[in-house]
N, C-alpha and C. Protein backbone atom coordinates (compact mmCIF):
# COMPACT_ATOMS: atom_id res chain seq x y z
N MET A 1 -11.75 55.74 104.39
CA MET A 1 -12.29 54.35 104.38
C MET A 1 -12.03 53.71 105.86
N LYS A 2 -13.32 53.15 106.19
CA LYS A 2 -13.19 52.23 107.43
C LYS A 2 -12.24 51.11 107.34
N PHE A 3 -11.42 50.85 108.27
CA PHE A 3 -10.69 49.59 108.43
C PHE A 3 -11.53 48.58 109.06
N SER A 4 -12.15 47.77 108.08
CA SER A 4 -12.97 46.60 108.47
C SER A 4 -12.61 45.39 107.81
N PHE A 5 -12.89 44.18 108.31
CA PHE A 5 -12.62 42.85 107.54
C PHE A 5 -13.34 43.04 106.15
N LYS A 6 -14.55 43.43 106.00
CA LYS A 6 -15.03 43.69 104.88
C LYS A 6 -14.52 44.37 103.97
N ASN A 7 -13.90 45.67 104.35
CA ASN A 7 -13.26 46.62 103.29
C ASN A 7 -12.16 45.92 103.12
N ILE A 8 -11.27 45.47 103.61
CA ILE A 8 -10.08 44.86 103.38
C ILE A 8 -10.27 43.67 102.27
N ILE A 9 -11.22 42.97 102.52
CA ILE A 9 -11.62 41.80 101.46
C ILE A 9 -11.92 42.37 100.30
N SER A 10 -12.79 43.34 100.31
CA SER A 10 -13.47 43.84 98.97
C SER A 10 -12.31 44.71 98.13
N ASN A 11 -11.54 45.11 99.02
CA ASN A 11 -10.26 45.75 98.26
C ASN A 11 -8.96 45.32 98.31
N PHE A 12 -8.98 44.10 98.49
CA PHE A 12 -7.70 43.39 98.53
C PHE A 12 -6.74 43.42 97.36
N GLU A 13 -7.37 43.66 96.22
CA GLU A 13 -6.42 43.88 94.94
C GLU A 13 -5.46 45.12 95.26
N GLU A 14 -6.40 46.21 95.64
CA GLU A 14 -5.84 47.67 95.68
C GLU A 14 -4.62 47.51 96.91
N ILE A 15 -5.08 47.03 97.97
CA ILE A 15 -4.21 46.96 99.25
C ILE A 15 -2.95 46.03 98.69
N GLY A 16 -2.99 45.13 98.28
CA GLY A 16 -1.96 44.19 97.77
C GLY A 16 -1.10 44.87 96.81
N SER A 17 -1.64 45.51 95.57
CA SER A 17 -1.04 46.24 94.78
C SER A 17 -0.19 47.36 95.43
N GLY A 18 -0.98 48.04 96.54
CA GLY A 18 -0.43 49.19 96.90
C GLY A 18 0.90 48.61 97.89
N VAL A 19 0.91 47.77 98.50
CA VAL A 19 1.89 47.00 99.57
C VAL A 19 3.05 46.71 98.69
N PHE A 20 2.98 45.89 97.56
CA PHE A 20 3.82 45.33 96.64
C PHE A 20 4.58 46.67 96.14
N LEU A 21 3.96 47.54 95.55
CA LEU A 21 4.29 48.96 95.03
C LEU A 21 5.36 49.63 96.19
N ILE A 22 5.07 49.70 97.50
CA ILE A 22 5.74 50.31 98.59
C ILE A 22 7.02 49.51 98.71
N ILE A 23 7.00 48.13 98.75
CA ILE A 23 7.80 47.20 98.88
C ILE A 23 9.02 47.69 97.78
N THR A 24 8.63 47.48 96.43
CA THR A 24 9.26 47.91 95.37
C THR A 24 9.83 49.08 95.51
N THR A 25 9.28 50.29 95.74
CA THR A 25 9.89 51.69 95.76
C THR A 25 10.90 51.57 96.99
N THR A 26 10.68 51.00 98.08
CA THR A 26 11.50 51.08 99.29
C THR A 26 12.85 50.47 99.08
N LEU A 27 12.87 49.30 98.39
CA LEU A 27 13.94 48.50 98.25
C LEU A 27 14.95 49.13 96.99
N VAL A 28 14.07 49.75 96.07
CA VAL A 28 14.88 50.44 94.92
C VAL A 28 15.62 51.56 95.54
N LEU A 29 14.94 52.53 96.33
CA LEU A 29 15.44 53.61 96.96
C LEU A 29 16.49 53.28 97.87
N LEU A 30 16.57 52.38 98.78
CA LEU A 30 17.36 51.80 99.69
C LEU A 30 18.71 51.21 98.93
N ASN A 31 18.49 50.59 97.89
CA ASN A 31 19.76 50.19 97.04
C ASN A 31 20.42 51.34 96.65
N VAL A 32 19.73 52.17 96.01
CA VAL A 32 20.40 53.43 95.38
C VAL A 32 21.19 54.11 96.42
N PHE A 33 20.39 54.28 97.56
CA PHE A 33 21.23 55.03 98.65
C PHE A 33 22.35 54.15 98.91
N LEU A 34 22.36 53.12 99.21
CA LEU A 34 23.65 52.28 99.73
C LEU A 34 24.64 52.20 98.60
N ARG A 35 24.16 52.21 97.35
CA ARG A 35 25.35 51.96 96.43
C ARG A 35 25.93 53.57 96.10
N TYR A 36 24.90 54.41 96.16
CA TYR A 36 25.44 55.86 95.99
C TYR A 36 26.37 56.30 97.26
N PHE A 37 25.99 56.29 98.23
CA PHE A 37 26.76 56.69 99.47
C PHE A 37 27.42 55.88 100.04
N LEU A 38 27.47 54.55 100.25
CA LEU A 38 28.01 53.55 101.04
C LEU A 38 28.85 52.59 100.06
N ASN A 39 28.75 52.86 98.73
CA ASN A 39 29.37 51.99 97.67
C ASN A 39 29.21 50.31 98.08
N MET A 40 27.98 50.12 98.40
CA MET A 40 27.60 48.72 98.41
C MET A 40 26.16 48.44 98.27
N GLY A 41 25.63 47.38 98.26
CA GLY A 41 24.11 47.15 97.78
C GLY A 41 23.76 45.94 98.26
N ILE A 42 22.42 45.76 98.23
CA ILE A 42 21.73 44.72 98.55
C ILE A 42 21.70 43.57 97.43
N ILE A 43 22.18 42.51 97.48
CA ILE A 43 22.31 41.71 96.26
C ILE A 43 20.98 41.20 95.76
N TRP A 44 20.14 40.90 96.69
CA TRP A 44 18.88 40.43 96.26
C TRP A 44 17.81 41.31 95.94
N SER A 45 17.91 42.71 96.09
CA SER A 45 16.81 43.69 96.28
C SER A 45 16.25 43.77 94.89
N GLU A 46 17.07 43.65 93.93
CA GLU A 46 16.44 43.86 92.45
C GLU A 46 15.65 42.82 92.17
N GLU A 47 16.09 41.52 92.52
CA GLU A 47 15.00 40.37 92.35
C GLU A 47 13.81 40.52 92.98
N VAL A 48 13.85 40.96 94.21
CA VAL A 48 12.57 41.10 95.03
C VAL A 48 11.59 42.31 94.69
N ALA A 49 12.41 43.28 94.44
CA ALA A 49 11.71 44.58 93.70
C ALA A 49 11.16 44.24 92.59
N THR A 50 11.58 43.57 91.48
CA THR A 50 11.09 43.13 90.18
C THR A 50 9.97 42.34 90.65
N GLY A 51 9.97 41.19 91.24
CA GLY A 51 8.81 40.54 91.58
C GLY A 51 7.84 41.12 92.27
N CYS A 52 8.00 42.10 93.55
CA CYS A 52 7.10 42.82 94.02
C CYS A 52 6.05 43.62 92.85
N PHE A 53 6.99 44.34 91.83
CA PHE A 53 6.57 45.16 91.05
C PHE A 53 5.51 44.29 89.97
N VAL A 54 5.97 43.18 89.55
CA VAL A 54 4.96 42.20 88.78
C VAL A 54 3.88 41.98 89.46
N TRP A 55 3.88 41.49 90.80
CA TRP A 55 2.78 41.48 91.56
C TRP A 55 1.75 42.55 91.64
N SER A 56 2.65 43.97 91.83
CA SER A 56 1.72 44.94 91.81
C SER A 56 1.12 45.43 90.47
N VAL A 57 1.77 45.32 89.44
CA VAL A 57 1.08 45.44 88.33
C VAL A 57 -0.25 44.75 88.00
N PHE A 58 -0.06 43.43 88.25
CA PHE A 58 -0.98 42.33 87.84
C PHE A 58 -2.12 42.41 88.77
N LEU A 59 -1.99 42.72 90.22
CA LEU A 59 -3.19 42.89 91.08
C LEU A 59 -3.53 44.26 90.85
N GLY A 60 -2.91 45.17 90.57
CA GLY A 60 -3.70 46.34 90.08
C GLY A 60 -4.46 46.32 88.85
N SER A 61 -4.12 45.46 87.76
CA SER A 61 -4.87 45.37 86.75
C SER A 61 -6.07 44.73 87.01
N ALA A 62 -6.18 43.79 87.97
CA ALA A 62 -7.33 42.96 88.50
C ALA A 62 -8.12 44.05 89.06
N ALA A 63 -7.73 44.84 89.94
CA ALA A 63 -8.30 46.03 90.45
C ALA A 63 -9.23 46.91 89.60
N CYS A 64 -8.38 47.29 88.61
CA CYS A 64 -9.09 47.95 87.57
C CYS A 64 -9.96 47.56 86.81
N TYR A 65 -9.83 46.25 86.51
CA TYR A 65 -10.79 45.30 85.70
C TYR A 65 -12.23 45.44 86.57
N LYS A 66 -12.04 44.97 87.87
CA LYS A 66 -13.16 45.17 88.58
C LYS A 66 -13.95 46.18 88.87
N ARG A 67 -13.35 47.30 88.86
CA ARG A 67 -13.80 48.72 88.84
C ARG A 67 -14.14 49.31 87.43
N LYS A 68 -13.85 48.27 86.45
CA LYS A 68 -14.29 48.74 85.10
C LYS A 68 -13.62 50.20 84.70
N MET A 69 -12.20 50.10 85.16
CA MET A 69 -11.42 51.35 84.92
C MET A 69 -10.73 51.28 83.79
N HIS A 70 -10.35 50.01 83.17
CA HIS A 70 -9.54 50.01 81.80
C HIS A 70 -10.15 50.76 80.78
N VAL A 71 -9.35 51.32 79.90
CA VAL A 71 -9.50 52.26 78.85
C VAL A 71 -10.55 51.52 77.95
N GLY A 72 -11.66 52.05 77.55
CA GLY A 72 -12.60 51.32 76.43
C GLY A 72 -12.97 52.31 75.51
N VAL A 73 -13.36 52.01 74.37
CA VAL A 73 -13.88 52.92 73.42
C VAL A 73 -15.26 52.43 73.07
N ASP A 74 -16.29 53.34 73.97
CA ASP A 74 -17.75 53.01 73.92
C ASP A 74 -18.56 54.21 73.06
N MET A 75 -17.86 54.91 72.55
CA MET A 75 -18.45 56.01 71.45
C MET A 75 -19.70 55.50 70.85
N ILE A 76 -19.30 54.34 70.12
CA ILE A 76 -20.22 54.02 69.14
C ILE A 76 -21.37 53.23 69.72
N ILE A 77 -21.02 52.43 70.82
CA ILE A 77 -22.11 51.70 71.55
C ILE A 77 -23.23 52.75 72.31
N ARG A 78 -22.72 54.02 72.87
CA ARG A 78 -23.51 54.98 73.29
C ARG A 78 -24.40 55.64 72.36
N LYS A 79 -24.37 55.28 71.09
CA LYS A 79 -25.32 56.02 70.26
C LYS A 79 -26.58 55.09 70.06
N PHE A 80 -26.54 53.92 70.62
CA PHE A 80 -27.65 52.93 70.51
C PHE A 80 -28.66 53.05 71.91
N SER A 81 -29.80 52.72 71.76
CA SER A 81 -30.79 52.74 72.96
C SER A 81 -30.15 51.86 74.07
N THR A 82 -30.69 52.13 75.32
CA THR A 82 -30.13 51.57 76.51
C THR A 82 -30.39 49.95 76.29
N PRO A 83 -31.53 49.26 75.86
CA PRO A 83 -31.70 47.88 75.86
C PRO A 83 -30.59 47.41 74.89
N VAL A 84 -30.30 48.11 73.47
CA VAL A 84 -29.38 47.74 72.59
C VAL A 84 -27.83 47.69 73.56
N GLN A 85 -27.79 48.81 74.17
CA GLN A 85 -26.31 48.78 74.90
C GLN A 85 -26.13 47.66 75.83
N ASN A 86 -27.24 47.30 76.52
CA ASN A 86 -27.13 46.16 77.57
C ASN A 86 -26.71 44.76 76.70
N LYS A 87 -27.69 44.63 75.45
CA LYS A 87 -27.25 43.49 74.79
C LYS A 87 -25.77 43.40 74.47
N ILE A 88 -25.52 44.50 73.82
CA ILE A 88 -23.88 44.67 73.44
C ILE A 88 -22.98 44.28 74.27
N ASN A 89 -23.13 45.06 75.68
CA ASN A 89 -22.20 44.60 76.91
C ASN A 89 -22.40 43.17 77.36
N PHE A 90 -23.65 42.54 76.97
CA PHE A 90 -23.58 41.16 77.25
C PHE A 90 -22.76 40.24 76.42
N ILE A 91 -22.96 40.67 75.06
CA ILE A 91 -21.86 40.08 74.22
C ILE A 91 -20.61 40.13 74.56
N LEU A 92 -20.39 41.48 74.71
CA LEU A 92 -18.96 41.92 75.17
C LEU A 92 -18.32 41.04 76.39
N TYR A 93 -19.18 40.74 77.42
CA TYR A 93 -18.86 40.04 78.47
C TYR A 93 -18.61 38.70 78.15
N ILE A 94 -19.29 38.06 77.38
CA ILE A 94 -19.16 36.61 77.05
C ILE A 94 -17.74 36.51 76.27
N ILE A 95 -17.45 37.42 75.24
CA ILE A 95 -16.23 37.41 74.74
C ILE A 95 -15.15 37.66 75.77
N LEU A 96 -15.16 38.65 76.72
CA LEU A 96 -14.17 38.49 77.71
C LEU A 96 -13.93 37.42 78.70
N LEU A 97 -15.12 36.70 78.85
CA LEU A 97 -15.19 35.25 79.55
C LEU A 97 -14.29 34.48 78.76
N VAL A 98 -14.48 34.18 77.92
CA VAL A 98 -13.47 33.11 76.90
C VAL A 98 -12.15 33.78 76.75
N ILE A 99 -11.86 35.00 76.71
CA ILE A 99 -10.49 35.58 76.67
C ILE A 99 -9.94 35.36 78.01
N ASN A 100 -10.62 35.96 78.91
CA ASN A 100 -9.94 35.91 80.48
C ASN A 100 -9.67 34.43 81.09
N GLY A 101 -10.89 33.60 80.67
CA GLY A 101 -10.62 32.14 81.08
C GLY A 101 -9.78 31.56 80.39
N SER A 102 -9.63 31.73 78.83
CA SER A 102 -8.11 31.06 78.15
C SER A 102 -6.88 31.60 78.67
N LEU A 103 -6.76 32.71 79.04
CA LEU A 103 -5.66 33.36 79.61
C LEU A 103 -5.26 32.61 81.10
N THR A 104 -6.31 32.44 81.65
CA THR A 104 -6.29 31.89 83.15
C THR A 104 -5.64 30.22 82.86
N LEU A 105 -6.25 29.54 81.80
CA LEU A 105 -5.70 28.43 81.63
C LEU A 105 -3.95 28.46 81.08
N ILE A 106 -3.82 29.38 80.18
CA ILE A 106 -2.40 29.43 79.78
C ILE A 106 -1.65 29.93 80.99
N ALA A 107 -1.94 30.60 81.85
CA ALA A 107 -1.23 31.05 83.12
C ALA A 107 -0.96 29.88 83.72
N ILE A 108 -1.93 28.88 84.03
CA ILE A 108 -1.75 27.66 84.73
C ILE A 108 -0.63 26.85 84.20
N GLN A 109 -0.71 26.70 82.82
CA GLN A 109 0.65 26.15 81.96
C GLN A 109 1.83 26.60 82.21
N TYR A 110 1.93 28.32 82.34
CA TYR A 110 3.01 28.93 82.36
C TYR A 110 3.54 28.76 83.87
N LEU A 111 2.79 28.59 84.84
CA LEU A 111 3.07 28.53 86.30
C LEU A 111 3.71 27.03 86.31
N LYS A 112 3.18 26.11 85.74
CA LYS A 112 3.79 24.63 85.95
C LYS A 112 5.17 24.60 85.43
N VAL A 113 5.59 25.76 84.25
CA VAL A 113 6.90 25.63 83.82
C VAL A 113 7.64 26.30 84.74
N SER A 114 7.42 27.55 85.11
CA SER A 114 8.12 28.41 85.87
C SER A 114 8.41 27.77 87.23
N ALA A 115 7.62 26.94 87.79
CA ALA A 115 7.81 26.34 88.95
C ALA A 115 9.14 25.45 88.97
N ARG A 116 9.63 25.09 88.01
CA ARG A 116 10.72 24.17 88.02
C ARG A 116 12.04 25.13 87.54
N LYS A 117 11.64 26.48 87.40
CA LYS A 117 13.02 27.34 87.05
C LYS A 117 13.10 28.42 88.39
N PRO A 118 14.24 27.94 89.09
CA PRO A 118 14.76 28.91 90.12
C PRO A 118 15.15 30.48 89.78
N THR A 119 14.92 31.42 90.69
CA THR A 119 15.38 32.61 90.46
C THR A 119 16.86 32.66 90.51
N PRO A 120 17.41 33.76 89.60
CA PRO A 120 19.01 33.64 89.66
C PRO A 120 19.67 33.99 91.09
N VAL A 121 19.13 34.83 91.69
CA VAL A 121 19.91 35.32 93.05
C VAL A 121 19.39 34.32 94.15
N LEU A 122 18.19 34.43 94.54
CA LEU A 122 17.66 33.91 95.85
C LEU A 122 17.33 32.42 95.44
N GLY A 123 17.27 31.91 94.41
CA GLY A 123 17.07 30.36 94.00
C GLY A 123 15.98 30.04 94.29
N ILE A 124 14.76 30.44 94.63
CA ILE A 124 13.37 30.11 95.00
C ILE A 124 12.77 29.90 93.66
N SER A 125 11.68 29.42 93.62
CA SER A 125 10.88 28.85 92.41
C SER A 125 10.28 30.45 91.70
N SER A 126 10.44 30.39 90.62
CA SER A 126 10.04 31.45 89.68
C SER A 126 8.33 31.49 89.90
N ALA A 127 7.82 30.56 90.48
CA ALA A 127 6.31 30.34 90.43
C ALA A 127 5.77 31.41 91.46
N PHE A 128 6.51 31.80 92.26
CA PHE A 128 6.15 33.03 93.35
C PHE A 128 5.81 34.22 92.41
N ILE A 129 6.46 34.45 91.48
CA ILE A 129 6.54 35.65 90.78
C ILE A 129 5.40 35.45 89.68
N SER A 130 5.38 34.17 89.14
CA SER A 130 4.56 33.89 88.14
C SER A 130 2.97 33.73 88.31
N SER A 131 2.99 33.20 89.56
CA SER A 131 1.63 33.20 90.12
C SER A 131 0.67 34.38 90.04
N SER A 132 1.62 35.36 89.88
CA SER A 132 0.57 36.84 89.97
C SER A 132 -0.06 36.68 88.63
N ILE A 133 0.44 36.33 87.66
CA ILE A 133 -0.38 36.20 86.23
C ILE A 133 -1.75 35.46 86.51
N PHE A 134 -1.51 34.10 87.03
CA PHE A 134 -2.63 33.25 87.18
C PHE A 134 -3.88 33.99 88.34
N VAL A 135 -3.34 34.54 89.32
CA VAL A 135 -4.22 35.27 90.21
C VAL A 135 -5.07 36.34 89.69
N SER A 136 -4.23 37.12 88.69
CA SER A 136 -4.85 38.32 88.17
C SER A 136 -5.94 37.73 87.27
N PHE A 137 -5.61 36.70 86.40
CA PHE A 137 -6.60 36.54 85.28
C PHE A 137 -7.62 35.72 85.95
N LEU A 138 -7.35 35.09 86.81
CA LEU A 138 -8.39 34.10 87.68
C LEU A 138 -9.51 35.17 88.25
N LEU A 139 -8.92 36.30 88.81
CA LEU A 139 -10.08 37.40 89.40
C LEU A 139 -10.64 37.85 88.29
N MET A 140 -10.08 38.12 87.13
CA MET A 140 -10.74 38.75 86.03
C MET A 140 -11.85 37.86 85.43
N THR A 141 -11.47 36.75 85.42
CA THR A 141 -12.64 35.74 84.99
C THR A 141 -13.71 35.69 85.91
N ILE A 142 -13.41 35.68 87.26
CA ILE A 142 -14.75 35.66 88.28
C ILE A 142 -15.13 37.08 88.08
N TYR A 143 -14.70 38.15 88.08
CA TYR A 143 -15.28 39.33 87.67
C TYR A 143 -16.03 39.35 86.64
N THR A 144 -15.76 38.99 85.44
CA THR A 144 -16.53 38.63 84.42
C THR A 144 -17.76 38.10 84.50
N ILE A 145 -17.58 36.94 85.18
CA ILE A 145 -19.05 35.95 85.53
C ILE A 145 -19.80 37.03 86.33
N VAL A 146 -19.41 37.59 87.19
CA VAL A 146 -20.16 38.59 88.14
C VAL A 146 -20.88 39.50 87.26
N PHE A 147 -20.09 40.15 86.21
CA PHE A 147 -20.66 41.24 85.40
C PHE A 147 -21.58 40.72 84.56
N LEU A 148 -21.62 39.31 84.02
CA LEU A 148 -22.39 38.67 83.17
C LEU A 148 -23.65 38.34 83.91
N ILE A 149 -23.47 38.14 85.13
CA ILE A 149 -24.83 37.63 85.60
C ILE A 149 -25.70 38.83 86.10
N LYS A 150 -24.81 40.20 86.25
CA LYS A 150 -25.61 41.43 86.43
C LYS A 150 -26.24 41.86 85.13
N ASP A 151 -25.71 41.51 84.09
CA ASP A 151 -26.12 42.01 82.74
C ASP A 151 -27.19 40.77 82.43
N ILE A 152 -27.19 39.67 82.76
CA ILE A 152 -28.37 38.92 82.31
C ILE A 152 -29.52 39.30 83.13
N LYS A 153 -29.55 39.69 84.28
CA LYS A 153 -30.62 40.49 84.98
C LYS A 153 -31.02 41.45 84.30
N VAL A 154 -30.12 42.45 84.00
CA VAL A 154 -30.55 43.56 83.43
C VAL A 154 -31.26 43.24 81.87
N VAL A 155 -30.61 42.47 80.98
CA VAL A 155 -31.38 41.91 79.80
C VAL A 155 -32.92 41.41 80.04
N LEU A 156 -32.81 40.49 80.93
CA LEU A 156 -34.21 39.96 81.37
C LEU A 156 -35.10 40.98 81.65
N LYS A 157 -34.61 41.80 82.38
CA LYS A 157 -35.43 43.01 82.94
C LYS A 157 -36.00 44.03 81.70
N ASP A 158 -35.09 44.11 80.90
CA ASP A 158 -35.38 44.96 79.61
C ASP A 158 -36.46 44.00 78.63
N LYS A 159 -36.20 42.79 78.64
CA LYS A 159 -36.90 41.70 77.96
C LYS A 159 -38.47 41.87 78.36
N ASN A 160 -38.32 41.77 79.64
CA ASN A 160 -39.84 41.68 80.29
C ASN A 160 -40.57 43.20 80.47
N GLY A 161 -40.01 44.04 79.78
CA GLY A 161 -40.54 45.44 79.91
C GLY A 161 -40.47 45.96 81.40
N GLY A 162 -39.46 45.74 81.99
CA GLY A 162 -39.09 46.52 83.42
C GLY A 162 -39.62 45.64 84.62
N ALA A 163 -40.44 44.57 84.11
CA ALA A 163 -40.91 43.83 85.53
C ALA A 163 -40.21 42.43 85.57
N GLN A 164 -39.78 42.11 86.77
CA GLN A 164 -39.21 40.61 86.94
C GLN A 164 -40.04 39.79 87.66
């Protein structure tokens, strides 16, 4: 992969998830080493590692959603003709838009509550960790809208007999 601004922006979920996973792994391994060999540890490492892991999971799930990599059962849908499959996919994306949009709104409410709660060790706002939920579902909502627009074009193309 070429390192360009466009590639970084188009893959920022994967890059962010990877960076947070590297930080998590590094902190955990470092803390294990320090505790096992030097009988000391980094007090804040567990809290930071947990927060980074949460960010990694939610950004990773948004990246999988963007690439349509989540597990799905489409065995029955594949039995239909392509135009029917396109219509079913359109309906599914409408449902996913409602679900992801609702979860985004719930994440906002959760973020407001967690903003007032400090983390136990560092004492920073829990919103730094909880915002990963909001970011993830907001991205999934945006990607659902993109998928819907593409599906609308496909359904309209099928309806018009292939001519646009």
